[in-house]
Amino acid sequence: MARSLKKGPYVDERLLKKVLDKKPGDRTPIKTWSRSCTITPEMVGFIFNVHNGRDFISVSASEDMVGHKLGEFAPTRKFFRHGGQIAKEEALKAAQAAAVKPAEEGKK
């Protein structure tokens, strides 16, 4: 659910203070746990280390990101692959095909 227009976007005051205290060309990252903070035009050009629950993901704020949340650019889940019997069979076929290919190249 979106935030009320009457309230305006949520911006963490401590994070905004850190941004305003830095010089515009400063490339040192700003460490934050505030994933729900909205990216404002003042934040463009700075690097943020956003916590994803385990470690910090480096996010460089650009013009296109204004209005989005910091947490959108630091995923919390890591996709491995889809499982199941069919996926195992396909992986086995791919491994066998890869093993046969180098053997054929050696014969040429």
C-alpha atoms as a PDB file:
ATOM      1  CA  MET A   1       0.000   0.000   0.000  1.00  0.00           C
ATOM      2  CA  ALA A   2       1.343   3.410  -0.958  1.00  0.00           C
ATOM      3  CA  ARG A   3       2.059   6.165   1.523  1.00  0.00           C
ATOM      4  CA  SER A   4      -0.420   9.034   1.744  1.00  0.00           C
ATOM      5  CA  LEU A   5       0.346  12.056  -0.432  1.00  0.00           C
ATOM      6  CA  LYS A   6      -0.475  14.248   2.537  1.00  0.00           C
ATOM      7  CA  LYS A   7       2.417  12.700   4.502  1.00  0.00           C
ATOM      8  CA  GLY A   8       4.930  12.734   1.652  1.00  0.00           C
ATOM      9  CA  PRO A   9       7.717  10.225   1.026  1.00  0.00           C
ATOM     10  CA  TYR A  10       9.510   8.607   3.962  1.00  0.00           C
ATOM     11  CA  VAL A  11      13.111   9.749   4.209  1.00  0.00           C
ATOM     12  CA  ASP A  12      15.223   8.709   7.179  1.00  0.00           C
ATOM     13  CA  GLU A  13      16.364  11.934   8.865  1.00  0.00           C
ATOM     14  CA  ARG A  14      19.719  10.498   9.985  1.00  0.00           C
ATOM     15  CA  LEU A  15      20.481   9.261   6.465  1.00  0.00           C
ATOM     16  CA  LEU A  16      19.521  12.609   4.915  1.00  0.00           C
ATOM     17  CA  LYS A  17      21.780  14.396   7.414  1.00  0.00           C
ATOM     18  CA  LYS A  18      24.692  12.140   6.427  1.00  0.00           C
ATOM     19  CA  VAL A  19      24.069  12.909   2.748  1.00  0.00           C
ATOM     20  CA  LEU A  20      23.884  16.669   3.308  1.00  0.00           C
ATOM     21  CA  ASP A  21      27.086  16.637   5.395  1.00  0.00           C
ATOM     22  CA  LYS A  22      29.069  14.956   2.600  1.00  0.00           C
ATOM     23  CA  LYS A  23      30.629  16.801  -0.311  1.00  0.00           C
ATOM     24  CA  PRO A  24      29.071  16.131  -3.753  1.00  0.00           C
ATOM     25  CA  GLY A  25      32.168  14.404  -5.194  1.00  0.00           C
ATOM     26  CA  ASP A  26      32.782  12.173  -2.168  1.00  0.00           C
ATOM     27  CA  ARG A  27      32.783   8.484  -3.203  1.00  0.00           C
ATOM     28  CA  THR A  28      32.936   6.886   0.260  1.00  0.00           C
ATOM     29  CA  PRO A  29      29.847   4.727   0.845  1.00  0.00           C
ATOM     30  CA  ILE A  30      27.184   5.589   3.407  1.00  0.00           C
ATOM     31  CA  LYS A  31      26.250   2.540   5.468  1.00  0.00           C
ATOM     32  CA  THR A  32      22.527   2.186   6.211  1.00  0.00           C
ATOM     33  CA  TRP A  33      19.968  -0.279   7.511  1.00  0.00           C
ATOM     34  CA  SER A  34      17.063   1.924   6.368  1.00  0.00           C
ATOM     35  CA  ARG A  35      15.739  -0.090   3.420  1.00  0.00           C
ATOM     36  CA  SER A  36      12.395   1.728   3.481  1.00  0.00           C
ATOM     37  CA  CYS A  37      13.966   5.149   2.889  1.00  0.00           C
ATOM     38  CA  THR A  38      12.876   6.800  -0.373  1.00  0.00           C
ATOM     39  CA  ILE A  39      15.647   8.000  -2.685  1.00  0.00           C
ATOM     40  CA  THR A  40      15.477  11.790  -3.102  1.00  0.00           C
ATOM     41  CA  PRO A  41      17.254  14.048  -5.637  1.00  0.00           C
ATOM     42  CA  GLU A  42      19.754  15.060  -2.933  1.00  0.00           C
ATOM     43  CA  MET A  43      20.961  11.429  -2.763  1.00  0.00           C
ATOM     44  CA  VAL A  44      21.824  11.152  -6.462  1.00  0.00           C
ATOM     45  CA  GLY A  45      25.516  10.502  -7.051  1.00  0.00           C
ATOM     46  CA  PHE A  46      26.236   8.978  -3.646  1.00  0.00           C
ATOM     47  CA  ILE A  47      26.996   5.335  -2.877  1.00  0.00           C
ATOM     48  CA  PHE A  48      24.985   3.564  -0.180  1.00  0.00           C
ATOM     49  CA  ASN A  49      25.776   0.265   1.504  1.00  0.00           C
ATOM     50  CA  VAL A  50      22.280  -1.135   2.116  1.00  0.00           C
ATOM     51  CA  HIS A  51      21.885  -4.029   4.556  1.00  0.00           C
ATOM     52  CA  ASN A  52      19.966  -7.012   3.174  1.00  0.00           C
ATOM     53  CA  GLY A  53      19.761  -8.985   6.416  1.00  0.00           C
ATOM     54  CA  ARG A  54      23.103 -10.704   6.002  1.00  0.00           C
ATOM     55  CA  ASP A  55      25.592  -8.299   4.449  1.00  0.00           C
ATOM     56  CA  PHE A  56      25.768  -4.875   2.822  1.00  0.00           C
ATOM     57  CA  ILE A  57      24.989  -4.408  -0.872  1.00  0.00           C
ATOM     58  CA  SER A  58      26.555  -1.430  -2.640  1.00  0.00           C
ATOM     59  CA  VAL A  59      23.944   0.789  -4.339  1.00  0.00           C
ATOM     60  CA  SER A  60      24.903   3.815  -6.406  1.00  0.00           C
ATOM     61  CA  ALA A  61      21.962   6.250  -6.558  1.00  0.00           C
ATOM     62  CA  SER A  62      21.161   7.612 -10.015  1.00  0.00           C
ATOM     63  CA  GLU A  63      18.487   9.883 -11.513  1.00  0.00           C
ATOM     64  CA  ASP A  64      16.316   6.905 -12.508  1.00  0.00           C
ATOM     65  CA  MET A  65      16.115   5.698  -8.895  1.00  0.00           C
ATOM     66  CA  VAL A  66      14.496   8.844  -7.488  1.00  0.00           C
ATOM     67  CA  GLY A  67      11.174   7.943  -5.875  1.00  0.00           C
ATOM     68  CA  HIS A  68      12.110   4.289  -5.292  1.00  0.00           C
ATOM     69  CA  LYS A  69      13.138   2.711  -1.983  1.00  0.00           C
ATOM     70  CA  LEU A  70      16.735   1.791  -1.142  1.00  0.00           C
ATOM     71  CA  GLY A  71      15.675  -1.774  -0.335  1.00  0.00           C
ATOM     72  CA  GLU A  72      14.492  -2.379  -3.908  1.00  0.00           C
ATOM     73  CA  PHE A  73      18.105  -2.434  -5.074  1.00  0.00           C
ATOM     74  CA  ALA A  74      19.434  -4.799  -2.380  1.00  0.00           C
ATOM     75  CA  PRO A  75      17.742  -8.198  -2.820  1.00  0.00           C
ATOM     76  CA  THR A  76      17.266 -10.288   0.302  1.00  0.00           C
ATOM     77  CA  ARG A  77      16.899 -13.669  -1.388  1.00  0.00           C
ATOM     78  CA  LYS A  78      19.359 -15.535  -3.584  1.00  0.00           C
ATOM     79  CA  PHE A  79      17.985 -17.631  -6.450  1.00  0.00           C
ATOM     80  CA  PHE A  80      19.818 -20.921  -6.977  1.00  0.00           C
ATOM     81  CA  ARG A  81      17.696 -22.780  -9.522  1.00  0.00           C
ATOM     82  CA  HIS A  82      14.436 -24.584  -9.915  1.00  0.00           C
ATOM     83  CA  GLY A  83      14.608 -28.100  -8.538  1.00  0.00           C
ATOM     84  CA  GLY A  84      12.865 -31.363  -9.231  1.00  0.00           C
ATOM     85  CA  GLN A  85      13.498 -34.515 -11.207  1.00  0.00           C
ATOM     86  CA  ILE A  86      13.301 -32.841 -14.634  1.00  0.00           C
ATOM     87  CA  ALA A  87      15.925 -30.253 -13.693  1.00  0.00           C
ATOM     88  CA  LYS A  88      18.281 -33.006 -12.473  1.00  0.00           C
ATOM     89  CA  GLU A  89      17.872 -34.913 -15.743  1.00  0.00           C
ATOM     90  CA  GLU A  90      18.582 -31.785 -17.812  1.00  0.00           C
ATOM     91  CA  ALA A  91      21.694 -31.019 -15.745  1.00  0.00           C
ATOM     92  CA  LEU A  92      22.915 -34.594 -16.227  1.00  0.00           C
ATOM     93  CA  LYS A  93      22.377 -34.406 -20.014  1.00  0.00           C
ATOM     94  CA  ALA A  94      24.216 -31.071 -20.179  1.00  0.00           C
ATOM     95  CA  ALA A  95      27.152 -32.499 -18.211  1.00  0.00           C
ATOM     96  CA  GLN A  96      27.343 -35.528 -20.509  1.00  0.00           C
ATOM     97  CA  ALA A  97      27.211 -33.332 -23.616  1.00  0.00           C
ATOM     98  CA  ALA A  98      30.003 -31.151 -22.230  1.00  0.00           C
ATOM     99  CA  ALA A  99      32.134 -34.233 -21.546  1.00  0.00           C
ATOM    100  CA  VAL A 100      31.608 -35.612 -25.071  1.00  0.00           C
ATOM    101  CA  LYS A 101      32.412 -32.310 -26.816  1.00  0.00           C
ATOM    102  CA  PRO A 102      36.081 -32.024 -25.642  1.00  0.00           C
ATOM    103  CA  ALA A 103      36.667 -35.679 -26.536  1.00  0.00           C
ATOM    104  CA  GLU A 104      35.474 -35.045 -30.107  1.00  0.00           C
ATOM    105  CA  GLU A 105      37.711 -31.979 -30.440  1.00  0.00           C
ATOM    106  CA  GLY A 106      40.737 -34.036 -29.375  1.00  0.00           C
ATOM    107  CA  LYS A 107      40.175 -36.484 -32.274  1.00  0.00           C
ATOM    108  CA  LYS A 108      40.317 -33.738 -34.940  1.00  0.00           C
END
